[in-house]
Protein backbone atom coordinates (compact mmCIF):
# COMPACT_ATOMS: atom_id res chain seq x y z
CA MET A 1 0.01 -0.10 0.04
CA THR A 2 1.31 3.47 -0.94
CA LYS A 3 1.67 6.01 1.77
CA TYR A 4 0.74 9.52 0.97
CA LYS A 5 2.66 12.47 2.41
CA GLY A 6 0.69 13.90 5.24
CA GLY A 7 -1.84 11.03 5.22
CA TYR A 8 -4.70 10.06 2.86
CA GLY A 9 -6.80 12.83 1.51
CA LYS A 10 -3.97 15.40 1.71
CA SER A 11 -2.35 14.75 -1.63
CA GLU A 12 -3.85 16.89 -4.49
CA LYS A 13 -4.97 15.28 -7.78
CA ALA A 14 -5.65 16.92 -11.01
CA ILE A 15 -9.05 16.17 -12.57
CA MET A 16 -9.20 16.78 -16.25
CA PHE A 17 -11.48 16.14 -19.09
CA SER A 18 -12.01 17.64 -22.79
CA ASP A 19 -15.04 19.31 -24.10
CA THR A 20 -15.57 21.58 -27.08
CA ASP A 21 -14.18 25.16 -27.27
CA LYS A 22 -17.74 26.55 -27.49
CA ARG A 23 -18.83 24.74 -24.34
CA HIS A 24 -15.63 26.01 -22.68
CA ALA A 25 -16.19 29.60 -23.52
CA GLU A 26 -19.90 29.24 -22.46
CA LEU A 27 -18.77 27.91 -19.10
CA LEU A 28 -16.24 30.64 -18.58
CA VAL A 29 -18.83 33.40 -19.49
CA ARG A 30 -21.56 31.82 -16.93
CA LEU A 31 -18.68 31.42 -14.25
CA ARG A 32 -17.63 35.06 -14.61
CA ARG A 33 -21.19 36.18 -14.47
CA ASP A 34 -21.67 34.18 -11.18
CA GLY A 35 -18.40 35.14 -9.69
CA LEU A 36 -17.03 31.76 -9.65
CA SER A 37 -13.65 30.32 -10.68
CA LYS A 38 -13.42 27.03 -12.37
CA PRO A 39 -11.70 25.40 -9.34
CA GLN A 40 -14.41 26.67 -6.97
CA PHE A 41 -17.24 25.56 -9.28
CA PHE A 42 -15.90 22.09 -9.70
CA ARG A 43 -14.98 21.46 -6.20
CA GLU A 44 -18.38 22.54 -5.09
CA ILE A 45 -20.13 20.31 -7.67
CA ILE A 46 -17.86 17.41 -6.63
CA SER A 47 -18.55 17.92 -2.84
CA GLY A 48 -22.31 17.96 -3.46
CA TYR A 49 -21.99 14.78 -5.42
CA ILE A 50 -19.94 12.98 -2.88
CA SER A 51 -22.26 14.21 0.00
CA ASN A 52 -25.42 13.29 -1.74
CA ASP A 53 -26.71 16.76 -1.80
CA PRO A 54 -30.44 16.33 -2.58
CA ASP A 55 -30.56 19.19 -5.18
CA LEU A 56 -27.64 17.61 -6.93
CA LEU A 57 -29.05 14.11 -6.60
CA SER A 58 -32.17 15.18 -8.43
CA PHE A 59 -30.05 16.36 -11.38
CA ILE A 60 -27.87 13.25 -11.48
CA THR A 61 -30.99 11.06 -11.42
CA LYS A 62 -32.33 12.90 -14.48
CA THR A 63 -28.88 12.59 -16.09
CA LYS A 64 -28.64 8.84 -15.36
CA TYR A 65 -32.11 8.34 -16.93
CA ARG A 66 -31.28 10.39 -19.87
CA LEU A 67 -27.97 8.62 -20.63
CA SER A 68 -29.54 5.25 -19.68
CA ARG A 69 -26.33 3.99 -17.97
CA VAL A 70 -28.25 2.09 -15.27
CA GLY A 71 -31.79 0.45 -15.08
CA LYS A 72 -34.56 2.48 -14.03
CA LYS A 73 -35.30 0.21 -11.11
CA LYS A 74 -31.78 0.38 -10.02
CA ILE A 75 -31.66 4.16 -10.17
CA LYS A 76 -34.95 4.41 -8.13
CA LYS A 77 -33.65 1.97 -5.53
CA THR A 78 -30.30 3.72 -5.26
CA ASN A 79 -31.89 7.17 -4.75
CA GLU A 80 -34.01 5.72 -2.09
CA GLU A 81 -31.21 4.26 -0.32
CA ILE A 82 -29.24 7.48 -0.56
CA LEU A 83 -32.12 9.58 0.97
CA GLN A 84 -32.64 6.92 3.62
CA GLY A 85 -28.99 7.16 4.54
CA ASN A 86 -29.06 10.94 4.63
CA GLN A 87 -32.05 10.86 6.93
CA VAL A 88 -30.44 8.31 9.31
CA LEU A 89 -27.30 10.56 9.58
CA LYS A 90 -29.59 13.66 10.23
CA ASP A 91 -31.61 11.74 12.81
CA PHE A 92 -28.46 10.62 14.73
CA GLY A 93 -26.91 14.07 14.35
CA ILE A 94 -23.88 12.82 12.60
CA THR A 95 -21.90 15.64 10.72
CA GLU A 96 -19.44 15.62 8.07
CA GLY A 97 -16.75 16.13 10.48
CA ASP A 98 -17.95 12.95 12.38
CA LEU A 99 -17.77 10.95 9.18
CA ASP A 100 -14.14 12.37 8.48
CA PHE A 101 -13.14 11.36 12.01
CA ILE A 102 -14.50 7.92 11.62
CA PHE A 103 -12.67 7.20 8.21
CA ASP A 104 -9.50 8.76 9.86
CA LEU A 105 -9.69 6.20 12.53
CA ILE A 106 -10.32 3.30 10.04
CA GLU A 107 -7.40 4.48 7.91
CA ARG A 108 -5.11 4.50 11.11
CA GLY A 109 -6.37 1.09 11.95
CA GLU A 110 -7.47 1.99 15.49
CA ASP A 111 -10.06 -0.30 16.83
CA GLU A 112 -11.14 1.83 19.82
């Protein structure tokens, strides 16, 4: 297993993809109008996706239906499970910081 300097989650990685010059220009115009930089925008989108933000989940669900990457029953079941999981975390008052702490403990291999 590779050790990261400063621990897991501290090393930065580049996320890159290609798109058309027209869409790139449209993105830059919209970001400038909204007062956001590209890194800010993409980091926020990624954070919302990772944390199962309900607003973003709705968009992702529509995207999955449109692209037909997964069966409709599976999409519906996955969304229900995500919403139930979010509700459980909310009911128990578990925050993002609590989850980070738990994953840090698991990474270090501490059983206590």
